[in-house]
Amino acid sequence: MEIGKQIKKLRTHLAFSQDDLAMRVYVSRQTISNWENNRNYPDVKSLLLLSSLFNVSLDQLVKGDVEEMKNLINAEEKELFRKDGTILMILFIVTIISLAPLFLLLEGVGMVIWGLIVIAMLYYAFRIEKYKKNYDVQTYREIMNFIDGKSLDAMEKQQEFGKRHYQKFLLAVGGAIVAAVIAGGLIILIDTLLG
């Protein structure tokens, strides 16, 4: 962060000690030291007071920090996207595999448990869709580029857009077929073992 360097530079330019500056912005000398050493960041009220006291715009005071904060937020969002995607995949697999055993072994209670797993899966699917909408990513390639911090050029974006029309339908049908085959196989297997 650049704010610490800025505060120290502007403070020394005005020949203020840390105590002088602390008194003028209503904080402790230790707080000023923490700001200058980038141990913490001034709150908005303090930034406005500093900006006024130093007679500089808020933009000048926090120059460079805004872009760094955006990158930090984007990195955090990407990590959340990755974690939510992993959780969604695990819940999807558990949903498919657990249907037959829960139904055959626990009957009604098993179906309630399975329903809760499905609700959790839908929650994470909704979160993933929200990320995709916020960052305008649709296809697998776009998602992988997003996670890696890259972007597609205009031509690649157009090619990926062409895939979107039927992609969701095919994914839904394919997922249903896979789930039906796995569930059917598990029912036959469990029925054979119990029968």
C-alpha atoms as a PDB file:
ATOM      1  CA  MET A   1       0.000   0.000   0.000  1.00  0.00           C
ATOM      2  CA  GLU A   2       1.167   3.522  -0.793  1.00  0.00           C
ATOM      3  CA  ILE A   3      -0.866   5.387   1.841  1.00  0.00           C
ATOM      4  CA  GLY A   4       1.857   5.041   4.493  1.00  0.00           C
ATOM      5  CA  LYS A   5       4.485   6.631   2.259  1.00  0.00           C
ATOM      6  CA  GLN A   6       2.063   9.393   1.278  1.00  0.00           C
ATOM      7  CA  ILE A   7       1.166  10.273   4.870  1.00  0.00           C
ATOM      8  CA  LYS A   8       4.802  10.293   5.967  1.00  0.00           C
ATOM      9  CA  LYS A   9       5.897  12.387   2.969  1.00  0.00           C
ATOM     10  CA  LEU A  10       3.115  14.952   3.407  1.00  0.00           C
ATOM     11  CA  ARG A  11       3.568  15.054   7.200  1.00  0.00           C
ATOM     12  CA  THR A  12       7.314  15.736   6.908  1.00  0.00           C
ATOM     13  CA  HIS A  13       6.678  18.296   4.157  1.00  0.00           C
ATOM     14  CA  LEU A  14       4.554  20.263   6.636  1.00  0.00           C
ATOM     15  CA  ALA A  15       7.190  19.669   9.360  1.00  0.00           C
ATOM     16  CA  PHE A  16       4.678  17.905  11.619  1.00  0.00           C
ATOM     17  CA  SER A  17       5.728  15.287  14.096  1.00  0.00           C
ATOM     18  CA  GLN A  18       3.587  12.185  14.441  1.00  0.00           C
ATOM     19  CA  ASP A  19       2.180  13.709  17.644  1.00  0.00           C
ATOM     20  CA  ASP A  20       1.273  16.944  15.813  1.00  0.00           C
ATOM     21  CA  LEU A  21      -0.526  15.057  13.075  1.00  0.00           C
ATOM     22  CA  ALA A  22      -2.272  12.767  15.565  1.00  0.00           C
ATOM     23  CA  MET A  23      -3.637  15.774  17.448  1.00  0.00           C
ATOM     24  CA  ARG A  24      -4.963  17.346  14.235  1.00  0.00           C
ATOM     25  CA  VAL A  25      -6.789  14.211  12.992  1.00  0.00           C
ATOM     26  CA  TYR A  26      -7.977  13.114  16.468  1.00  0.00           C
ATOM     27  CA  VAL A  27      -6.086   9.831  16.714  1.00  0.00           C
ATOM     28  CA  SER A  28      -3.132   8.570  18.762  1.00  0.00           C
ATOM     29  CA  ARG A  29       0.506   8.887  17.752  1.00  0.00           C
ATOM     30  CA  GLN A  30       0.604   5.086  17.573  1.00  0.00           C
ATOM     31  CA  THR A  31      -2.207   5.169  14.989  1.00  0.00           C
ATOM     32  CA  ILE A  32      -0.167   7.557  12.837  1.00  0.00           C
ATOM     33  CA  SER A  33       2.832   5.224  13.160  1.00  0.00           C
ATOM     34  CA  ASN A  34       0.657   2.245  12.170  1.00  0.00           C
ATOM     35  CA  TRP A  35      -0.597   4.111   9.102  1.00  0.00           C
ATOM     36  CA  GLU A  36       2.891   5.139   8.042  1.00  0.00           C
ATOM     37  CA  ASN A  37       4.192   1.587   8.467  1.00  0.00           C
ATOM     38  CA  ASN A  38       1.178   0.104   6.648  1.00  0.00           C
ATOM     39  CA  ARG A  39       0.093  -1.908   9.676  1.00  0.00           C
ATOM     40  CA  ASN A  40      -3.460  -0.639   9.202  1.00  0.00           C
ATOM     41  CA  TYR A  41      -5.394   1.691   6.933  1.00  0.00           C
ATOM     42  CA  PRO A  42      -7.055   4.990   7.895  1.00  0.00           C
ATOM     43  CA  ASP A  43     -10.842   5.019   8.011  1.00  0.00           C
ATOM     44  CA  VAL A  44     -12.804   7.286   5.681  1.00  0.00           C
ATOM     45  CA  LYS A  45     -13.200  10.072   8.249  1.00  0.00           C
ATOM     46  CA  SER A  46      -9.442  10.117   8.871  1.00  0.00           C
ATOM     47  CA  LEU A  47      -8.709  10.064   5.141  1.00  0.00           C
ATOM     48  CA  LEU A  48     -10.937  13.100   4.657  1.00  0.00           C
ATOM     49  CA  LEU A  49      -9.247  14.940   7.542  1.00  0.00           C
ATOM     50  CA  LEU A  50      -5.795  14.068   6.192  1.00  0.00           C
ATOM     51  CA  SER A  51      -6.786  15.176   2.708  1.00  0.00           C
ATOM     52  CA  SER A  52      -8.010  18.506   4.024  1.00  0.00           C
ATOM     53  CA  LEU A  53      -5.041  19.017   6.340  1.00  0.00           C
ATOM     54  CA  PHE A  54      -2.482  18.191   3.633  1.00  0.00           C
ATOM     55  CA  ASN A  55      -4.465  20.215   1.066  1.00  0.00           C
ATOM     56  CA  VAL A  56      -4.477  17.356  -1.452  1.00  0.00           C
ATOM     57  CA  SER A  57      -7.334  15.528  -3.096  1.00  0.00           C
ATOM     58  CA  LEU A  58      -8.422  12.189  -1.716  1.00  0.00           C
ATOM     59  CA  ASP A  59      -7.309  10.627  -5.027  1.00  0.00           C
ATOM     60  CA  GLN A  60      -3.790  11.972  -4.567  1.00  0.00           C
ATOM     61  CA  LEU A  61      -3.676  10.733  -0.989  1.00  0.00           C
ATOM     62  CA  VAL A  62      -4.647   7.161  -1.797  1.00  0.00           C
ATOM     63  CA  LYS A  63      -3.010   6.971  -5.234  1.00  0.00           C
ATOM     64  CA  GLY A  64      -2.148   3.408  -6.204  1.00  0.00           C
ATOM     65  CA  ASP A  65      -4.037   1.921  -3.265  1.00  0.00           C
ATOM     66  CA  VAL A  66      -7.419   1.796  -5.002  1.00  0.00           C
ATOM     67  CA  GLU A  67      -6.102  -0.389  -7.832  1.00  0.00           C
ATOM     68  CA  GLU A  68      -4.267  -2.621  -5.357  1.00  0.00           C
ATOM     69  CA  MET A  69      -7.476  -3.021  -3.323  1.00  0.00           C
ATOM     70  CA  LYS A  70      -9.423  -3.928  -6.461  1.00  0.00           C
ATOM     71  CA  ASN A  71      -6.855  -6.602  -7.291  1.00  0.00           C
ATOM     72  CA  LEU A  72      -7.014  -7.925  -3.731  1.00  0.00           C
ATOM     73  CA  ILE A  73     -10.822  -8.087  -3.893  1.00  0.00           C
ATOM     74  CA  ASN A  74     -10.665  -9.813  -7.264  1.00  0.00           C
ATOM     75  CA  ALA A  75      -8.194 -12.360  -5.871  1.00  0.00           C
ATOM     76  CA  GLU A  76     -10.500 -13.019  -2.915  1.00  0.00           C
ATOM     77  CA  GLU A  77     -13.501 -13.353  -5.240  1.00  0.00           C
ATOM     78  CA  LYS A  78     -11.608 -15.808  -7.435  1.00  0.00           C
ATOM     79  CA  GLU A  79     -10.671 -17.896  -4.412  1.00  0.00           C
ATOM     80  CA  LEU A  80     -14.301 -17.915  -3.238  1.00  0.00           C
ATOM     81  CA  PHE A  81     -15.389 -18.900  -6.753  1.00  0.00           C
ATOM     82  CA  ARG A  82     -12.890 -21.768  -6.736  1.00  0.00           C
ATOM     83  CA  LYS A  83     -13.972 -22.965  -3.262  1.00  0.00           C
ATOM     84  CA  ASP A  84     -17.668 -22.748  -4.097  1.00  0.00           C
ATOM     85  CA  GLY A  85     -17.050 -24.658  -7.327  1.00  0.00           C
ATOM     86  CA  THR A  86     -15.295 -27.444  -5.413  1.00  0.00           C
ATOM     87  CA  ILE A  87     -18.099 -27.629  -2.842  1.00  0.00           C
ATOM     88  CA  LEU A  88     -20.688 -27.710  -5.638  1.00  0.00           C
ATOM     89  CA  MET A  89     -18.884 -30.576  -7.378  1.00  0.00           C
ATOM     90  CA  ILE A  90     -18.681 -32.581  -4.133  1.00  0.00           C
ATOM     91  CA  LEU A  91     -22.365 -31.962  -3.370  1.00  0.00           C
ATOM     92  CA  PHE A  92     -23.305 -32.960  -6.920  1.00  0.00           C
ATOM     93  CA  ILE A  93     -21.454 -36.264  -6.597  1.00  0.00           C
ATOM     94  CA  VAL A  94     -22.926 -36.903  -3.127  1.00  0.00           C
ATOM     95  CA  THR A  95     -26.406 -36.115  -4.458  1.00  0.00           C
ATOM     96  CA  ILE A  96     -26.079 -38.681  -7.231  1.00  0.00           C
ATOM     97  CA  ILE A  97     -24.434 -41.399  -5.158  1.00  0.00           C
ATOM     98  CA  SER A  98     -26.560 -41.029  -2.029  1.00  0.00           C
ATOM     99  CA  LEU A  99     -30.060 -41.179  -3.571  1.00  0.00           C
ATOM    100  CA  ALA A 100     -30.478 -44.942  -3.723  1.00  0.00           C
ATOM    101  CA  PRO A 101     -28.726 -45.857  -0.443  1.00  0.00           C
ATOM    102  CA  LEU A 102     -30.586 -43.200   1.537  1.00  0.00           C
ATOM    103  CA  PHE A 103     -33.935 -44.194   0.058  1.00  0.00           C
ATOM    104  CA  LEU A 104     -33.438 -47.949   0.450  1.00  0.00           C
ATOM    105  CA  LEU A 105     -31.850 -47.892   3.899  1.00  0.00           C
ATOM    106  CA  LEU A 106     -33.612 -45.002   5.625  1.00  0.00           C
ATOM    107  CA  GLU A 107     -36.747 -44.570   3.477  1.00  0.00           C
ATOM    108  CA  GLY A 108     -38.578 -41.341   4.471  1.00  0.00           C
ATOM    109  CA  VAL A 109     -35.806 -40.002   6.689  1.00  0.00           C
ATOM    110  CA  GLY A 110     -33.320 -40.794   3.922  1.00  0.00           C
ATOM    111  CA  MET A 111     -35.335 -38.756   1.447  1.00  0.00           C
ATOM    112  CA  VAL A 112     -35.359 -35.795   3.862  1.00  0.00           C
ATOM    113  CA  ILE A 113     -31.568 -36.051   4.214  1.00  0.00           C
ATOM    114  CA  TRP A 114     -31.211 -36.320   0.436  1.00  0.00           C
ATOM    115  CA  GLY A 115     -33.478 -33.278   0.019  1.00  0.00           C
ATOM    116  CA  LEU A 116     -31.246 -31.265   2.348  1.00  0.00           C
ATOM    117  CA  ILE A 117     -28.195 -32.264   0.312  1.00  0.00           C
ATOM    118  CA  VAL A 118     -29.998 -31.156  -2.863  1.00  0.00           C
ATOM    119  CA  ILE A 119     -30.916 -27.808  -1.253  1.00  0.00           C
ATOM    120  CA  ALA A 120     -27.264 -27.258  -0.289  1.00  0.00           C
ATOM    121  CA  MET A 121     -26.196 -28.145  -3.830  1.00  0.00           C
ATOM    122  CA  LEU A 122     -28.725 -25.692  -5.297  1.00  0.00           C
ATOM    123  CA  TYR A 123     -27.504 -22.963  -2.939  1.00  0.00           C
ATOM    124  CA  TYR A 124     -23.922 -23.364  -4.167  1.00  0.00           C
ATOM    125  CA  ALA A 125     -25.099 -23.614  -7.772  1.00  0.00           C
ATOM    126  CA  PHE A 126     -26.895 -20.285  -7.296  1.00  0.00           C
ATOM    127  CA  ARG A 127     -23.713 -18.735  -5.851  1.00  0.00           C
ATOM    128  CA  ILE A 128     -21.680 -19.973  -8.832  1.00  0.00           C
ATOM    129  CA  GLU A 129     -24.254 -18.539 -11.254  1.00  0.00           C
ATOM    130  CA  LYS A 130     -24.053 -15.214  -9.416  1.00  0.00           C
ATOM    131  CA  TYR A 131     -20.248 -15.139  -9.833  1.00  0.00           C
ATOM    132  CA  LYS A 132     -20.611 -16.056 -13.500  1.00  0.00           C
ATOM    133  CA  LYS A 133     -23.128 -13.268 -14.046  1.00  0.00           C
ATOM    134  CA  ASN A 134     -21.087 -10.661 -12.138  1.00  0.00           C
ATOM    135  CA  TYR A 135     -17.928 -11.446 -14.098  1.00  0.00           C
ATOM    136  CA  ASP A 136     -19.629 -12.298 -17.415  1.00  0.00           C
ATOM    137  CA  VAL A 137     -18.216 -15.814 -17.623  1.00  0.00           C
ATOM    138  CA  GLN A 138     -20.274 -18.594 -19.160  1.00  0.00           C
ATOM    139  CA  THR A 139     -18.222 -21.337 -20.733  1.00  0.00           C
ATOM    140  CA  TYR A 140     -15.613 -23.569 -19.162  1.00  0.00           C
ATOM    141  CA  ARG A 141     -12.867 -21.751 -21.040  1.00  0.00           C
ATOM    142  CA  GLU A 142     -14.042 -18.373 -19.778  1.00  0.00           C
ATOM    143  CA  ILE A 143     -14.250 -19.709 -16.229  1.00  0.00           C
ATOM    144  CA  MET A 144     -10.719 -21.115 -16.365  1.00  0.00           C
ATOM    145  CA  ASN A 145      -9.383 -17.833 -17.767  1.00  0.00           C
ATOM    146  CA  PHE A 146     -11.226 -15.924 -15.028  1.00  0.00           C
ATOM    147  CA  ILE A 147      -9.691 -18.106 -12.314  1.00  0.00           C
ATOM    148  CA  ASP A 148      -6.234 -17.670 -13.870  1.00  0.00           C
ATOM    149  CA  GLY A 149      -6.718 -13.889 -14.051  1.00  0.00           C
ATOM    150  CA  LYS A 150      -6.756 -13.764 -17.847  1.00  0.00           C
ATOM    151  CA  SER A 151      -9.342 -12.410 -20.252  1.00  0.00           C
ATOM    152  CA  LEU A 152     -10.439 -13.492 -23.701  1.00  0.00           C
ATOM    153  CA  ASP A 153      -9.849 -11.264 -26.700  1.00  0.00           C
ATOM    154  CA  ALA A 154     -12.871 -10.083 -28.727  1.00  0.00           C
ATOM    155  CA  MET A 155     -12.719 -12.919 -31.276  1.00  0.00           C
ATOM    156  CA  GLU A 156     -12.466 -15.619 -28.614  1.00  0.00           C
ATOM    157  CA  LYS A 157     -15.317 -13.980 -26.671  1.00  0.00           C
ATOM    158  CA  GLN A 158     -17.518 -14.099 -29.783  1.00  0.00           C
ATOM    159  CA  GLN A 159     -16.708 -17.786 -30.357  1.00  0.00           C
ATOM    160  CA  GLU A 160     -17.535 -18.597 -26.744  1.00  0.00           C
ATOM    161  CA  PHE A 161     -20.799 -16.613 -26.963  1.00  0.00           C
ATOM    162  CA  GLY A 162     -21.926 -18.824 -29.846  1.00  0.00           C
ATOM    163  CA  LYS A 163     -21.720 -21.873 -27.596  1.00  0.00           C
ATOM    164  CA  ARG A 164     -24.029 -20.468 -24.935  1.00  0.00           C
ATOM    165  CA  HIS A 165     -27.390 -20.993 -26.661  1.00  0.00           C
ATOM    166  CA  TYR A 166     -27.595 -24.736 -26.282  1.00  0.00           C
ATOM    167  CA  GLN A 167     -24.926 -25.327 -23.669  1.00  0.00           C
ATOM    168  CA  LYS A 168     -27.139 -25.104 -20.569  1.00  0.00           C
ATOM    169  CA  PHE A 169     -29.747 -27.410 -22.085  1.00  0.00           C
ATOM    170  CA  LEU A 170     -27.123 -30.027 -22.971  1.00  0.00           C
ATOM    171  CA  LEU A 171     -25.572 -29.826 -19.521  1.00  0.00           C
ATOM    172  CA  ALA A 172     -28.958 -30.318 -17.851  1.00  0.00           C
ATOM    173  CA  VAL A 173     -29.903 -33.273 -20.067  1.00  0.00           C
ATOM    174  CA  GLY A 174     -26.460 -34.852 -19.704  1.00  0.00           C
ATOM    175  CA  GLY A 175     -26.522 -34.435 -15.928  1.00  0.00           C
ATOM    176  CA  ALA A 176     -29.992 -35.993 -15.713  1.00  0.00           C
ATOM    177  CA  ILE A 177     -28.943 -38.985 -17.823  1.00  0.00           C
ATOM    178  CA  VAL A 178     -25.785 -39.556 -15.758  1.00  0.00           C
ATOM    179  CA  ALA A 179     -27.764 -39.244 -12.505  1.00  0.00           C
ATOM    180  CA  ALA A 180     -30.427 -41.681 -13.721  1.00  0.00           C
ATOM    181  CA  VAL A 181     -27.854 -44.252 -14.849  1.00  0.00           C
ATOM    182  CA  ILE A 182     -25.887 -44.054 -11.596  1.00  0.00           C
ATOM    183  CA  ALA A 183     -29.030 -44.143  -9.425  1.00  0.00           C
ATOM    184  CA  GLY A 184     -30.427 -47.081 -11.389  1.00  0.00           C
ATOM    185  CA  GLY A 185     -27.166 -48.968 -11.084  1.00  0.00           C
ATOM    186  CA  LEU A 186     -27.002 -48.324  -7.356  1.00  0.00           C
ATOM    187  CA  ILE A 187     -30.605 -49.468  -6.857  1.00  0.00           C
ATOM    188  CA  ILE A 188     -29.900 -52.714  -8.722  1.00  0.00           C
ATOM    189  CA  LEU A 189     -26.656 -53.237  -6.791  1.00  0.00           C
ATOM    190  CA  ILE A 190     -28.213 -52.596  -3.370  1.00  0.00           C
ATOM    191  CA  ASP A 191     -31.278 -54.668  -4.234  1.00  0.00           C
ATOM    192  CA  THR A 192     -29.009 -57.552  -5.245  1.00  0.00           C
ATOM    193  CA  LEU A 193     -26.964 -57.272  -2.039  1.00  0.00           C
ATOM    194  CA  LEU A 194     -30.010 -57.030   0.238  1.00  0.00           C
ATOM    195  CA  GLY A 195     -32.156 -59.543  -1.679  1.00  0.00           C
END
